[in-house]
Protein backbone atom coordinates (compact mmCIF):
# COMPACT_ATOMS: atom_id res chain seq x y z
CA MET A 1 -63.00 -116.97 47.15
CA THR A 2 -63.02 -120.43 45.64
CA ALA A 3 -66.06 -121.70 43.85
CA ASN A 4 -67.17 -125.27 44.31
CA LEU A 5 -68.28 -126.63 40.96
CA SER A 6 -70.20 -129.83 40.65
CA ALA A 7 -69.49 -132.22 37.78
CA HIS A 8 -72.64 -130.88 36.15
CA ASP A 9 -71.32 -127.30 36.21
CA GLN A 10 -67.86 -128.05 34.77
CA GLY A 11 -68.76 -127.83 31.07
CA VAL A 12 -68.97 -130.70 28.62
CA SER A 13 -68.67 -134.18 30.08
CA ARG A 14 -66.90 -137.08 28.42
CA ARG A 15 -70.28 -138.73 27.92
CA THR A 16 -71.68 -135.66 26.12
CA LEU A 17 -68.54 -135.46 23.97
CA ALA A 18 -68.84 -139.14 23.03
CA LYS A 19 -72.48 -138.66 22.05
CA GLY A 20 -71.54 -135.73 19.83
CA VAL A 21 -68.81 -137.72 18.07
CA GLY A 22 -71.24 -140.58 17.56
CA TRP A 23 -73.67 -138.28 15.78
CA SER A 24 -71.04 -136.61 13.58
CA VAL A 25 -69.64 -139.81 12.07
CA PRO A 26 -72.83 -140.81 10.21
CA ALA A 27 -73.15 -137.28 8.81
CA ILE A 28 -69.63 -137.44 7.41
CA MET A 29 -70.30 -140.85 5.90
CA VAL A 30 -73.49 -139.63 4.22
CA ALA A 31 -71.69 -136.65 2.72
CA ALA A 32 -68.92 -138.87 1.38
CA ALA A 33 -71.44 -141.12 -0.33
CA ALA A 34 -72.95 -138.28 -2.42
CA PRO A 35 -72.20 -138.63 -6.15
CA ALA A 36 -69.51 -136.34 -7.56
CA TYR A 37 -71.92 -134.65 -9.98
CA ALA A 38 -73.98 -133.46 -6.99
CA ILE A 39 -71.26 -130.92 -6.18
CA SER A 40 -70.88 -129.85 -9.79
CA SER A 41 -72.88 -127.29 -11.74
CA LEU A 42 -76.61 -127.21 -12.36
CA PRO A 43 -77.74 -129.33 -15.31
CA PRO A 44 -78.57 -127.56 -18.55
CA THR A 45 -82.03 -127.40 -20.10
CA MET A 46 -82.63 -128.17 -23.75
CA THR A 47 -85.66 -127.36 -25.87
CA TYR A 48 -86.29 -128.85 -29.31
CA LYS A 49 -86.35 -126.08 -31.90
CA ALA A 50 -86.38 -127.48 -35.47
CA ALA A 51 -85.26 -130.26 -37.79
CA CYS A 52 -84.37 -130.29 -41.47
CA LYS A 53 -82.70 -132.44 -44.11
CA TRP A 54 -80.03 -132.26 -46.75
CA PRO A 55 -81.50 -134.60 -49.34
CA GLY A 56 -79.44 -136.69 -51.73
CA SER A 57 -76.21 -134.96 -52.71
CA SER A 58 -77.40 -131.41 -52.10
CA CYS A 59 -74.48 -130.52 -49.80
CA THR A 60 -71.13 -130.91 -51.50
CA GLY A 61 -68.43 -132.45 -49.33
CA THR A 62 -70.78 -134.13 -46.85
CA THR A 63 -72.35 -137.53 -46.79
CA ASP A 64 -75.64 -138.14 -48.52
CA LYS A 65 -79.03 -138.20 -46.87
CA SER A 66 -78.24 -136.15 -43.79
CA TYR A 67 -80.56 -134.62 -41.21
CA ALA A 68 -80.07 -131.90 -38.60
CA VAL A 69 -81.91 -131.40 -35.32
CA THR A 70 -81.52 -128.09 -33.48
CA PHE A 71 -82.04 -127.48 -29.77
CA THR A 72 -81.88 -124.29 -27.73
CA VAL A 73 -79.54 -124.97 -24.81
CA VAL A 74 -79.58 -122.97 -21.57
CA ASN A 75 -76.58 -123.32 -19.28
CA ASN A 76 -78.20 -122.84 -15.87
CA ASP A 77 -74.88 -122.53 -14.08
CA PRO A 78 -73.65 -118.92 -13.77
CA ASN A 79 -70.02 -119.98 -13.20
CA ASP A 80 -69.07 -122.90 -15.45
CA THR A 81 -68.96 -123.45 -19.20
CA ILE A 82 -70.51 -126.76 -20.21
CA TYR A 83 -69.92 -128.97 -23.24
CA PHE A 84 -72.22 -131.25 -25.23
CA CYS A 85 -70.39 -134.14 -26.78
CA ASP A 86 -73.03 -136.18 -28.53
CA LEU A 87 -76.69 -136.86 -28.98
CA THR A 88 -78.44 -140.13 -29.71
CA MET A 89 -82.04 -140.50 -30.85
CA THR A 90 -83.74 -143.82 -30.21
CA ASN A 91 -87.30 -145.14 -30.34
CA ILE A 92 -87.88 -143.15 -33.51
CA THR A 93 -91.50 -143.86 -34.41
CA ASN A 94 -91.03 -143.99 -38.19
CA GLY A 95 -88.86 -147.11 -38.07
CA ILE A 96 -85.59 -145.46 -39.15
CA GLY A 97 -83.76 -146.91 -36.15
CA THR A 98 -81.16 -145.18 -33.98
CA TRP A 99 -79.43 -141.95 -35.00
CA THR A 100 -76.11 -140.98 -33.44
CA SER A 101 -74.88 -137.46 -34.10
CA VAL A 102 -71.75 -136.59 -36.02
CA PRO A 103 -69.47 -134.61 -33.66
CA PRO A 104 -68.32 -131.13 -34.67
CA ALA A 105 -64.67 -130.72 -35.69
CA SER A 106 -63.86 -129.48 -32.16
CA GLY A 107 -65.42 -132.63 -30.66
CA CYS A 108 -67.95 -130.71 -28.53
CA TYR A 109 -70.31 -127.77 -28.45
CA ALA A 110 -69.54 -125.21 -25.72
CA VAL A 111 -72.21 -123.19 -23.90
CA ALA A 112 -70.81 -120.32 -21.81
CA ALA A 113 -71.62 -119.94 -18.12
CA GLY A 114 -75.16 -118.57 -17.79
CA GLY A 115 -75.47 -118.54 -21.58
CA THR A 116 -77.97 -119.71 -24.17
CA ARG A 117 -77.22 -120.94 -27.66
CA ASP A 118 -78.66 -123.07 -30.42
CA VAL A 119 -76.88 -126.37 -30.91
CA THR A 120 -77.44 -128.34 -34.12
CA PHE A 121 -76.70 -132.03 -34.15
CA ARG A 122 -76.08 -133.66 -37.54
CA PHE A 123 -77.04 -137.21 -38.48
CA ASP A 124 -75.56 -138.75 -41.64
CA ASN A 125 -76.11 -141.80 -43.82
CA SER A 126 -79.82 -142.25 -43.42
CA THR A 127 -81.43 -144.98 -45.49
CA ASN A 128 -83.45 -142.30 -47.29
CA SER A 129 -83.89 -138.55 -47.47
CA ALA A 130 -87.65 -138.38 -47.04
CA ASN A 131 -89.45 -135.59 -45.23
CA LEU A 132 -90.03 -137.15 -41.82
CA THR A 133 -92.50 -136.70 -38.99
CA PHE A 134 -91.62 -138.64 -35.85
CA ASP A 135 -91.34 -138.85 -32.10
CA ALA A 136 -88.07 -139.91 -30.50
CA THR A 137 -86.21 -140.32 -27.25
CA VAL A 138 -83.20 -138.00 -27.24
CA THR A 139 -80.17 -138.54 -24.99
CA PHE A 140 -77.51 -135.82 -24.52
CA ASN A 141 -74.12 -136.35 -22.91
CA TRP A 142 -72.62 -133.27 -21.29
CA GLY A 143 -69.84 -132.23 -18.94
CA HIS A 144 -67.24 -129.61 -18.03
CA ASN A 145 -64.54 -130.96 -20.32
CA CYS A 146 -64.27 -131.81 -23.98
CA PRO A 147 -64.49 -134.72 -24.54
CA CYS A 148 -67.22 -135.40 -22.03
CA SER A 149 -65.55 -138.70 -21.11
CA ALA A 150 -62.78 -136.59 -19.47
CA ASP A 151 -65.27 -134.84 -17.18
CA PRO A 152 -64.39 -135.55 -13.52
CA TYR A 153 -68.02 -135.30 -12.42
CA HIS A 154 -69.45 -137.95 -14.79
CA HIS A 155 -72.81 -136.20 -15.15
CA PRO A 156 -75.76 -138.42 -15.95
CA ALA A 157 -77.06 -138.01 -19.48
CA ILE A 158 -80.12 -135.88 -20.07
CA THR A 159 -83.00 -137.75 -21.71
CA GLN A 160 -86.18 -136.24 -23.10
CA GLN A 161 -88.95 -136.94 -25.59
CA ILE A 162 -89.34 -134.81 -28.72
CA HIS A 163 -91.83 -134.54 -31.55
CA VAL A 164 -90.54 -133.53 -34.99
CA ASN A 165 -93.28 -132.10 -37.22
CA ASP A 166 -91.23 -132.27 -40.40
CA THR A 167 -87.71 -132.30 -41.79
CA LYS A 168 -88.28 -130.18 -44.87
CA PRO A 169 -85.22 -128.41 -46.23
CA HIS A 170 -85.42 -124.71 -45.40
CA GLY A 171 -83.28 -121.57 -45.28
CA ALA A 172 -82.13 -122.13 -41.72
CA CYS A 173 -80.83 -125.56 -42.69
CA THR A 174 -77.54 -124.62 -44.26
CA CYS A 175 -75.14 -127.30 -45.43
CA PRO A 176 -72.92 -128.57 -42.63
CA PRO A 177 -69.15 -128.38 -42.81
CA PRO A 178 -67.53 -131.67 -43.87
CA ALA A 179 -67.00 -134.03 -40.94
């Protein structure tokens, strides 16, 4: 017994196939246009914790009039270690100007996959060593490699506003290692 199949019953037509190809091309193009960091890990979160100062020459072997600002960093990615390479504070309301952090000896701070740690950024050579209260815009550069400039994903910097109540010297503000 031979079945007579109409063109409609023979499966996918060339016209249907062409329509399907036409729809798939734009989807591929959209996916290719996505930025590289979109396929990378989740961005970290940072919370301002404290600030302090090392007035005058109180820390032997370091530069004078230094400040430290500590943040609690949460690596939201359960699979990848992330690195923080630098921090810049701008728009500081007390008129000090821009502060750029002194990198650690290793060049970066590592935060393990799914981990949390405090990261202290050091700022040297201030014009004074006064106890400061200020607001500032903080910008963090981060990535999956140290230095961050070697990161293949080129993550956008994280920017946030902070308020520093004071920079009094205190027990948690130990002298930094020499740069």
